[in-house]
Amino acid sequence: MDTPSLFIGCAAGFSGDRIDAAGPVVDTLIARLEAGPAGQRAFLIFETLAERTLALAQLRRRADPDAGYEPLLDAMLRPVLARCLDHGIRIVSNFGAANPRAAARLIARMARELGAQAPRIAVVEGDDLSSPEHLEALREQLGKRMDDIRVVSANAYIGAEPIAQALDAGAQIVVCGRVADPSLTVGPAMSHFGWRSDDWEKLGRATMAGHLLECGVQVCGGYFADPGYKDVPGLEAVGFPIAEIDADGGCTIGKADGTGGMVSEATVKEQLLYEVHDPSAYLTPDVVADISEAEVQAAGQNRVALRGVKGHARPSHYKVNVCHEGGWLAEGEISYAGPRAEARARLAADVLRKRLHGLQLRVDLIGAVSVFGDDAGRTLAATPDSGLRDVRLRAAAAHEDRAQAERLAREVTALYTCGPAGGGGVRTALTSRLNTISCLLPRESVPVRHVFIGEAP
């Protein structure tokens, strides 16, 4: 007897995503389960990590040993946790960030407060490589690039196997740190269908299903809309995606019922290619996925099927990101309006350059020359005054020395009276910077495991 298809809904595409996303997704998953055959399963995933997100989480954990997980975890999960447990919808997420065990304890406490039956919660570990012995191994790979830096976080992008193992062992909720984004989908599929860890074709297909889900509403019209060119209905209530995955790994992407946005061949194609360097070799810790012959086909209203994905043997190494302290970023802004506003903003920029000798400035005229400018100011200098009457000048500088960076904030503030006529609305900010270096480590040097909260390691 064939194993029934698997539903996986995604309710977050990054840390800071909408906290009301999960409700409609869970409602739709429950409806699918009630209408489907016996043995059909559903999962809810939250993807909340990025490189900088994880480093910031480590800084929070340094300040508070009970912190370091996704700050919006309670707000995202509490409204749907009891319903998921009641209907057998299992939850997999990387919202553990730098402190998965603390996140798991919060979820357990949340369940008690909601009067729900205590869930079995597993934590996936092994990605955190910030211990001295691991840093020494990283030093062998990175060499002099590790000299004179202060490491904030070091994490390997681990894969789906420990997620699948935890689910096979009975976990209702799996809390991860840095796993590869598509692995949040591949793990449930491996467990549900009983796939081997070297079934490359199926893993490749499930990986691309996960890739379509991992950025949340980007596959449903978010980050896609362009009025008059790519119109998206109901963007203010854009729905989050749900994938139906079959036993061979093929998937059909839809979205939560009763929500705005849309799932079309165009939205799926954009997300399919998002952040993919080589379509024939999309590297993940689970598989090398190949979409060079993939086909995207409409399968009904707001339903699109993905077929033709291939898979090849996974890499022998894990990717590792090392985030370290990177000095200070100073920013300052001031507005000029009315006749000759752009000329006055350009004069203010010239004043800053002459006053802040020794600092490498980035200067933008927001609305005139900004996104397409460069850090050296060459584009700004080469662009003629267009006569704009409402211009926001932004200046930024980075420096290892906080006192040097602070000079910029003082000089922008001084433009009130020491600069061109009519400047106003000054805002300044000083932010500690994080830099990243990357390398590869052999898989065998990064031991991964799952543990259940409340059980001995």
Protein backbone atom coordinates (compact mmCIF):
# COMPACT_ATOMS: atom_id res chain seq x y z
CA MET A 1 0.00 0.00 0.00
CA ASP A 2 1.38 3.40 -1.00
CA THR A 3 2.23 5.83 1.78
CA PRO A 4 -0.18 8.80 1.73
CA SER A 5 1.20 12.15 0.68
CA LEU A 6 2.65 14.54 3.22
CA PHE A 7 1.57 18.14 3.88
CA ILE A 8 4.12 20.66 5.13
CA GLY A 9 3.10 24.24 5.85
CA CYS A 10 5.55 27.06 6.51
CA ALA A 11 4.65 29.88 8.90
CA ALA A 12 7.85 31.95 8.90
CA GLY A 13 10.54 32.79 6.35
CA PHE A 14 12.89 34.79 8.57
CA SER A 15 13.33 36.11 12.08
CA GLY A 16 10.88 38.97 12.40
CA ASP A 17 8.27 37.55 10.04
CA ARG A 18 4.56 38.05 10.77
CA ILE A 19 3.41 36.45 13.99
CA ASP A 20 -0.15 35.79 12.75
CA ALA A 21 0.94 33.56 9.87
CA ALA A 22 0.54 30.17 11.51
CA GLY A 23 -3.20 30.31 12.20
CA PRO A 24 -4.46 30.06 8.60
CA VAL A 25 -1.76 27.50 7.78
CA VAL A 26 -2.82 25.25 10.67
CA ASP A 27 -6.50 25.65 9.78
CA THR A 28 -5.74 24.49 6.25
CA LEU A 29 -3.57 21.58 7.39
CA ILE A 30 -6.35 20.36 9.71
CA ALA A 31 -8.86 20.54 6.86
CA ARG A 32 -6.51 18.56 4.60
CA LEU A 33 -6.01 15.88 7.26
CA GLU A 34 -9.73 15.55 7.93
CA ALA A 35 -10.47 15.19 4.22
CA GLY A 36 -7.58 12.84 3.48
CA PRO A 37 -6.95 9.11 3.90
CA ALA A 38 -5.80 7.42 7.07
CA GLY A 39 -2.08 7.71 7.61
CA GLN A 40 -1.78 11.14 6.08
CA ARG A 41 0.43 13.47 8.11
CA ALA A 42 1.07 17.18 8.33
CA PHE A 43 3.95 19.27 9.62
CA LEU A 44 4.31 22.93 10.47
CA ILE A 45 7.74 24.46 9.96
CA PHE A 46 9.15 27.86 10.92
CA GLU A 47 12.33 29.08 9.21
CA THR A 48 13.75 31.91 11.32
CA LEU A 49 17.53 31.93 10.87
CA ALA A 50 20.05 33.84 8.81
CA GLU A 51 23.80 34.21 9.24
CA ARG A 52 23.59 37.47 11.15
CA THR A 53 20.50 36.29 13.07
CA LEU A 54 22.46 33.45 14.62
CA ALA A 55 25.35 35.69 15.65
CA LEU A 56 22.94 38.11 17.32
CA ALA A 57 21.36 35.18 19.13
CA GLN A 58 24.77 34.17 20.48
CA LEU A 59 25.27 37.69 21.80
CA ARG A 60 21.90 37.51 23.58
CA ARG A 61 22.87 34.17 25.09
CA ARG A 62 26.12 35.65 26.40
CA ALA A 63 24.09 38.28 28.22
CA ASP A 64 21.47 35.80 29.46
CA PRO A 65 22.05 32.01 29.53
CA ASP A 66 18.29 31.45 29.16
CA ALA A 67 18.08 33.57 25.99
CA GLY A 68 19.49 33.11 22.50
CA TYR A 69 16.50 31.55 20.72
CA GLU A 70 14.06 33.24 18.32
CA PRO A 71 12.68 36.32 20.17
CA LEU A 72 9.23 35.89 18.60
CA LEU A 73 8.97 32.18 19.43
CA ASP A 74 6.19 32.61 21.98
CA ALA A 75 4.19 35.00 19.80
CA MET A 76 4.51 32.77 16.73
CA LEU A 77 3.81 29.41 18.32
CA ARG A 78 1.48 29.93 21.29
CA PRO A 79 -1.67 30.67 19.22
CA VAL A 80 -1.44 27.32 17.39
CA LEU A 81 0.51 24.99 19.68
CA ALA A 82 -2.46 23.29 21.37
CA ARG A 83 -4.31 22.81 18.09
CA CYS A 84 -1.24 21.27 16.46
CA LEU A 85 -0.86 18.81 19.32
CA ASP A 86 -4.58 17.96 19.30
CA HIS A 87 -4.58 17.20 15.57
CA GLY A 88 -1.24 15.43 15.32
CA ILE A 89 0.48 18.20 13.40
CA ARG A 90 4.15 17.96 14.23
CA ILE A 91 6.39 21.01 14.38
CA VAL A 92 9.95 21.39 13.09
CA SER A 93 11.89 24.63 13.25
CA ASN A 94 15.29 26.23 13.57
CA PHE A 95 13.94 28.79 16.04
CA GLY A 96 16.27 27.30 18.64
CA ALA A 97 19.02 29.49 17.11
CA ALA A 98 21.90 29.68 19.59
CA ASN A 99 20.01 28.03 22.45
CA PRO A 100 17.74 25.19 21.27
CA ARG A 101 17.41 23.68 24.75
CA ALA A 102 16.10 26.94 26.19
CA ALA A 103 13.64 27.17 23.30
CA ALA A 104 12.47 23.62 24.00
CA ARG A 105 11.96 24.42 27.67
CA LEU A 106 9.89 27.46 26.72
CA ILE A 107 7.69 25.33 24.45
CA ALA A 108 7.18 22.76 27.20
CA ARG A 109 6.17 25.52 29.60
CA MET A 110 3.88 27.00 26.96
CA ALA A 111 2.12 23.66 26.54
CA ARG A 112 1.55 23.41 30.31
CA GLU A 113 0.12 26.92 30.44
CA LEU A 114 -2.25 26.07 27.59
CA GLY A 115 -3.42 22.92 29.36
CA ALA A 116 -2.17 20.74 26.52
CA GLN A 117 -0.73 17.27 26.96
CA ALA A 118 3.03 17.46 27.46
CA PRO A 119 4.63 17.04 24.01
CA ARG A 120 7.75 15.03 23.29
CA ILE A 121 10.30 17.66 22.31
CA ALA A 122 13.62 16.78 20.70
CA VAL A 123 16.57 19.10 20.25
CA VAL A 124 19.03 18.70 17.38
CA GLU A 125 22.60 19.48 18.37
CA GLY A 126 26.01 19.56 16.74
CA ASP A 127 25.93 22.70 14.63
CA ASP A 128 27.50 24.93 17.31
CA LEU A 129 31.27 24.88 16.81
CA SER A 130 32.22 27.68 19.17
CA SER A 131 34.00 25.42 21.70
CA PRO A 132 37.82 25.73 21.91
CA GLU A 133 38.46 22.36 20.29
CA HIS A 134 36.22 23.14 17.35
CA LEU A 135 37.71 26.61 16.93
CA GLU A 136 41.12 24.99 16.72
CA ALA A 137 39.89 22.79 13.88
CA LEU A 138 38.51 25.87 12.17
CA ARG A 139 41.84 27.60 12.59
CA GLU A 140 43.49 24.79 10.63
CA GLN A 141 41.08 25.50 7.77
CA LEU A 142 41.04 29.30 7.89
CA GLY A 143 44.65 29.99 8.84
CA LYS A 144 45.59 33.64 9.31
CA ARG A 145 42.00 34.75 8.81
CA MET A 146 41.37 33.54 12.37
CA ASP A 147 44.17 35.71 13.77
CA ASP A 148 43.17 38.77 15.76
CA ILE A 149 39.43 38.22 15.49
CA ARG A 150 36.96 37.81 18.31
CA VAL A 151 34.58 35.02 17.41
CA VAL A 152 30.89 35.55 18.17
CA SER A 153 29.52 32.35 16.66
CA ALA A 154 30.67 29.37 14.60
CA ASN A 155 28.06 27.05 13.14
CA ALA A 156 27.92 24.23 10.64
CA TYR A 157 24.99 23.88 8.28
CA ILE A 158 23.90 20.39 9.26
CA GLY A 159 21.22 18.37 7.48
CA ALA A 160 17.99 16.46 7.81
CA GLU A 161 19.14 13.13 9.24
CA PRO A 162 18.97 14.05 12.95
CA ILE A 163 15.54 15.62 12.36
CA ALA A 164 14.27 12.40 10.75
CA GLN A 165 15.81 10.31 13.53
CA ALA A 166 14.11 12.42 16.19
CA LEU A 167 10.76 12.08 14.42
CA ASP A 168 11.24 8.34 14.05
CA ALA A 169 11.86 8.20 17.79
CA GLY A 170 8.51 9.83 18.47
CA ALA A 171 9.24 13.55 18.64
CA GLN A 172 6.19 15.77 18.20
CA ILE A 173 8.31 18.91 18.10
CA VAL A 174 11.90 19.15 16.84
CA VAL A 175 13.87 22.25 17.78
CA CYS A 176 17.03 22.95 15.77
CA GLY A 177 19.77 25.49 15.61
CA ARG A 178 21.61 25.96 12.32
CA VAL A 179 20.32 23.32 9.97
CA ALA A 180 20.16 24.03 6.25
CA ASP A 181 16.83 25.67 5.44
CA PRO A 182 15.50 22.94 3.09
CA SER A 183 16.37 20.28 5.69
CA LEU A 184 13.37 21.43 7.74
CA THR A 185 11.28 19.87 4.97
CA VAL A 186 13.57 16.98 4.02
CA GLY A 187 13.65 15.60 7.60
CA PRO A 188 9.86 15.15 7.88
CA ALA A 189 9.75 13.64 4.37
CA MET A 190 12.52 11.15 5.19
CA SER A 191 10.69 10.07 8.33
CA HIS A 192 7.22 9.89 6.79
CA PHE A 193 8.20 7.96 3.67
CA GLY A 194 11.07 5.95 5.17
CA TRP A 195 13.62 7.18 2.64
CA ARG A 196 17.25 6.19 2.95
CA SER A 197 19.80 8.95 3.51
CA ASP A 198 21.37 8.13 0.13
CA ASP A 199 18.19 8.10 -1.96
CA TRP A 200 19.50 11.07 -3.89
CA GLU A 201 16.63 11.47 -6.38
CA LYS A 202 13.96 11.69 -3.69
CA LEU A 203 16.09 13.84 -1.41
CA GLY A 204 16.81 16.20 -4.28
CA ARG A 205 13.11 16.64 -4.98
CA ALA A 206 12.23 17.15 -1.32
CA THR A 207 15.08 19.65 -1.01
CA MET A 208 13.59 21.82 -3.72
CA ALA A 209 10.17 21.53 -2.08
CA GLY A 210 11.86 22.81 1.06
CA HIS A 211 13.54 25.55 -0.95
CA LEU A 212 10.14 26.71 -2.18
CA LEU A 213 8.82 26.78 1.39
CA GLU A 214 11.80 28.18 3.25
CA CYS A 215 11.28 31.87 2.46
CA GLY A 216 7.65 31.86 3.53
CA VAL A 217 5.41 34.05 1.39
CA GLN A 218 7.99 34.70 -1.31
CA VAL A 219 6.45 31.81 -3.25
CA CYS A 220 2.95 33.23 -2.64
CA GLY A 221 3.47 36.72 -4.09
CA GLY A 222 5.48 38.39 -1.34
CA TYR A 223 8.72 39.92 -2.60
CA PHE A 224 7.22 39.42 -6.06
CA ALA A 225 4.57 42.11 -6.52
CA ASP A 226 5.28 44.95 -8.95
CA PRO A 227 2.10 46.95 -9.72
CA GLY A 228 1.06 46.93 -13.36
CA TYR A 229 3.68 44.31 -14.20
CA LYS A 230 3.29 41.56 -11.62
CA ASP A 231 0.03 42.26 -9.80
CA VAL A 232 -0.72 40.30 -6.62
CA PRO A 233 -4.22 40.34 -5.09
CA GLY A 234 -4.65 40.84 -1.37
CA LEU A 235 -0.99 41.40 -0.57
CA GLU A 236 -1.95 42.82 2.84
CA ALA A 237 -3.22 39.36 3.80
CA VAL A 238 -0.77 37.28 1.78
CA GLY A 239 -1.00 33.59 2.65
CA PHE A 240 1.88 31.36 3.66
CA PRO A 241 2.75 28.28 1.60
CA ILE A 242 1.83 24.62 1.96
CA ALA A 243 3.55 21.82 0.04
CA GLU A 244 2.04 18.44 -0.71
CA ILE A 245 4.87 15.95 -1.18
CA ASP A 246 4.41 12.48 -2.66
CA ALA A 247 6.34 9.28 -2.00
CA ASP A 248 8.78 10.01 -4.84
CA GLY A 249 9.53 13.51 -3.56
CA GLY A 250 7.49 15.39 -6.14
CA CYS A 251 5.61 18.36 -4.75
CA THR A 252 2.68 20.65 -5.40
CA ILE A 253 2.82 24.10 -3.82
CA GLY A 254 -0.29 25.90 -2.61
CA LYS A 255 -1.12 28.35 0.14
CA ALA A 256 -3.32 28.66 3.20
CA ASP A 257 -7.04 28.78 2.45
CA GLY A 258 -8.85 32.10 2.60
CA THR A 259 -5.72 34.22 2.33
CA GLY A 260 -4.45 36.77 -0.16
CA GLY A 261 -1.52 36.53 -2.50
CA MET A 262 -1.17 33.91 -5.20
CA VAL A 263 0.79 30.83 -6.18
CA SER A 264 1.52 30.82 -9.90
CA GLU A 265 4.09 29.42 -12.27
CA ALA A 266 5.86 32.78 -12.13
CA THR A 267 6.04 32.98 -8.31
CA VAL A 268 7.31 29.40 -8.14
CA LYS A 269 9.95 29.98 -10.80
CA GLU A 270 11.24 33.08 -9.03
CA GLN A 271 11.55 31.29 -5.72
CA LEU A 272 12.98 28.17 -7.36
CA LEU A 273 15.91 30.22 -8.68
CA TYR A 274 16.26 32.39 -5.56
CA GLU A 275 19.81 32.19 -4.16
CA VAL A 276 20.69 29.28 -6.47
CA HIS A 277 24.18 29.73 -7.93
CA ASP A 278 24.27 26.65 -10.16
CA PRO A 279 20.88 25.16 -11.15
CA SER A 280 22.52 21.82 -11.87
CA ALA A 281 24.29 21.66 -8.50
CA TYR A 282 22.44 23.24 -5.59
CA LEU A 283 24.60 22.16 -2.67
CA THR A 284 23.02 21.19 0.63
CA PRO A 285 24.21 18.90 3.43
CA ASP A 286 21.59 16.33 2.40
CA VAL A 287 22.03 16.16 -1.37
CA VAL A 288 23.20 18.05 -4.44
CA ALA A 289 19.91 19.02 -6.09
CA ASP A 290 19.66 19.49 -9.85
CA ILE A 291 16.88 21.63 -11.33
CA SER A 292 18.41 21.99 -14.80
CA GLU A 293 15.54 19.93 -16.27
CA ALA A 294 12.83 20.84 -13.78
CA GLU A 295 9.33 21.66 -14.95
CA VAL A 296 6.80 23.94 -13.30
CA GLN A 297 3.15 23.38 -14.20
CA ALA A 298 -0.12 24.91 -12.98
CA ALA A 299 -2.19 22.30 -11.15
CA GLY A 300 -5.30 24.34 -10.33
CA GLN A 301 -6.06 27.68 -8.71
CA ASN A 302 -3.12 28.68 -6.52
CA ARG A 303 -1.55 25.26 -7.02
CA VAL A 304 1.66 24.61 -8.94
CA ALA A 305 3.46 21.30 -9.41
CA LEU A 306 7.23 20.93 -9.54
CA ARG A 307 8.57 17.94 -11.44
CA GLY A 308 11.82 16.81 -13.04
CA VAL A 309 14.18 17.57 -10.15
CA LYS A 310 17.17 15.27 -9.85
CA GLY A 311 19.57 14.55 -7.01
CA HIS A 312 23.24 13.63 -6.71
CA ALA A 313 25.43 12.44 -3.85
CA ARG A 314 25.72 14.93 -1.01
CA PRO A 315 28.94 16.90 -0.34
CA SER A 316 31.59 15.31 1.85
CA HIS A 317 31.94 18.50 3.91
CA TYR A 318 29.70 20.83 5.88
CA LYS A 319 29.71 24.54 5.24
CA VAL A 320 30.68 26.51 8.37
CA ASN A 321 30.12 30.20 9.03
CA VAL A 322 32.26 32.00 11.60
CA CYS A 323 30.86 35.38 12.69
CA HIS A 324 33.18 37.76 14.49
CA GLU A 325 33.18 41.27 15.85
CA GLY A 326 33.71 43.78 13.06
CA GLY A 327 34.09 47.19 14.63
CA TRP A 328 31.48 49.94 14.42
CA LEU A 329 29.12 51.36 11.84
CA ALA A 330 28.12 55.00 12.19
CA GLU A 331 25.23 56.46 10.22
CA GLY A 332 23.73 59.90 9.94
CA GLU A 333 20.89 61.39 7.90
CA ILE A 334 19.63 64.90 7.23
CA SER A 335 16.93 66.22 4.87
CA TYR A 336 16.87 69.18 2.50
CA ALA A 337 13.70 70.40 0.81
CA GLY A 338 12.58 73.16 -1.52
CA PRO A 339 14.43 74.97 -4.32
CA ARG A 340 17.98 73.70 -4.93
CA ALA A 341 17.52 70.97 -2.30
CA GLU A 342 19.74 68.49 -4.13
CA ALA A 343 22.51 71.06 -4.58
CA ARG A 344 22.43 71.79 -0.85
CA ALA A 345 22.52 68.07 -0.02
CA ARG A 346 25.55 67.65 -2.30
CA LEU A 347 27.27 70.55 -0.58
CA ALA A 348 26.57 68.95 2.81
CA ALA A 349 28.15 65.72 1.56
CA ASP A 350 31.23 67.65 0.46
CA VAL A 351 31.48 69.26 3.91
CA LEU A 352 31.40 65.84 5.56
CA ARG A 353 34.12 64.45 3.30
CA LYS A 354 36.43 67.37 4.06
CA ARG A 355 35.75 67.28 7.80
CA LEU A 356 35.98 63.52 8.22
CA HIS A 357 39.41 62.98 6.71
CA GLY A 358 40.73 59.55 7.62
CA LEU A 359 37.30 57.91 7.41
CA GLN A 360 36.06 56.06 4.33
CA LEU A 361 32.59 57.47 3.80
CA ARG A 362 29.58 56.06 2.00
CA VAL A 363 27.35 58.98 0.97
CA ASP A 364 23.92 58.58 -0.62
CA LEU A 365 21.24 60.95 -1.83
CA ILE A 366 18.18 58.86 -1.07
CA GLY A 367 15.82 59.05 -4.03
CA ALA A 368 18.52 60.31 -6.40
CA VAL A 369 21.71 58.24 -6.06
CA SER A 370 21.66 55.54 -3.40
CA VAL A 371 20.99 51.88 -4.25
CA PHE A 372 23.11 52.07 -7.38
CA GLY A 373 25.85 54.17 -5.83
CA ASP A 374 29.18 52.87 -4.57
CA ASP A 375 31.06 53.17 -1.29
CA ALA A 376 33.72 55.42 -2.78
CA GLY A 377 31.19 58.00 -3.93
CA ARG A 378 32.22 57.76 -7.58
CA THR A 379 28.64 57.36 -8.81
CA LEU A 380 27.45 60.33 -6.78
CA ALA A 381 30.26 62.51 -8.12
CA ALA A 382 29.56 61.47 -11.70
CA THR A 383 25.79 61.99 -11.53
CA PRO A 384 24.58 65.50 -12.41
CA ASP A 385 22.28 67.46 -10.15
CA SER A 386 18.75 66.51 -11.21
CA GLY A 387 17.12 69.38 -9.36
CA LEU A 388 15.17 67.28 -6.82
CA ARG A 389 13.27 69.36 -4.26
CA ASP A 390 13.12 66.72 -1.51
CA VAL A 391 16.38 64.94 -0.72
CA ARG A 392 17.55 62.85 2.22
CA LEU A 393 21.33 62.77 2.65
CA ARG A 394 22.70 59.62 4.27
CA ALA A 395 26.33 59.22 5.29
CA ALA A 396 27.91 56.10 6.80
CA ALA A 397 31.37 55.03 7.90
CA ALA A 398 32.83 51.90 9.44
CA HIS A 399 35.83 51.82 11.76
CA GLU A 400 37.39 49.45 14.27
CA ASP A 401 37.69 52.31 16.78
CA ARG A 402 34.38 53.40 18.26
CA ALA A 403 35.62 56.94 18.89
CA GLN A 404 36.55 57.35 15.23
CA ALA A 405 33.15 56.11 14.08
CA GLU A 406 31.41 58.49 16.48
CA ARG A 407 32.95 61.44 14.62
CA LEU A 408 30.48 60.93 11.79
CA ALA A 409 27.43 61.23 14.03
CA ARG A 410 28.75 64.48 15.51
CA GLU A 411 29.50 66.00 12.12
CA VAL A 412 26.11 65.15 10.66
CA THR A 413 24.41 66.68 13.69
CA ALA A 414 26.55 69.81 13.28
CA LEU A 415 25.16 70.29 9.76
CA TYR A 416 22.09 71.82 11.41
CA THR A 417 23.94 75.14 11.67
CA CYS A 418 27.37 74.47 10.17
CA GLY A 419 26.12 73.21 6.83
CA PRO A 420 23.95 74.43 3.96
CA ALA A 421 20.67 76.23 4.53
CA GLY A 422 17.52 74.46 5.57
CA GLY A 423 18.78 71.09 6.79
CA GLY A 424 16.56 69.24 9.25
CA GLY A 425 15.38 65.92 10.62
CA VAL A 426 18.80 64.65 11.69
CA ARG A 427 19.01 61.05 12.87
CA THR A 428 22.18 59.23 13.83
CA ALA A 429 23.01 55.68 14.88
CA LEU A 430 26.04 53.74 16.04
CA THR A 431 25.95 49.95 15.64
CA SER A 432 28.45 47.23 16.40
CA ARG A 433 29.23 45.29 13.24
CA LEU A 434 29.46 41.55 12.61
CA ASN A 435 31.63 40.08 9.88
CA THR A 436 31.59 36.56 8.48
CA ILE A 437 34.18 34.16 7.14
CA SER A 438 33.35 30.68 5.84
CA CYS A 439 35.04 27.35 5.31
CA LEU A 440 34.33 23.64 4.90
CA LEU A 441 34.78 20.92 7.52
CA PRO A 442 34.67 17.15 6.93
CA ARG A 443 31.32 15.71 7.97
CA GLU A 444 32.95 13.28 10.38
CA SER A 445 34.42 16.15 12.39
CA VAL A 446 30.96 17.57 13.12
CA PRO A 447 29.08 15.03 15.27
CA VAL A 448 25.32 15.61 15.26
CA ARG A 449 22.62 14.08 17.44
CA HIS A 450 19.16 14.58 18.81
CA VAL A 451 18.22 14.53 22.48
CA PHE A 452 14.81 14.65 24.15
CA ILE A 453 14.28 17.32 26.74
CA GLY A 454 13.99 15.72 30.15
CA GLU A 455 16.01 12.67 29.10
CA ALA A 456 19.67 12.04 29.70
CA PRO A 457 21.97 13.09 26.83
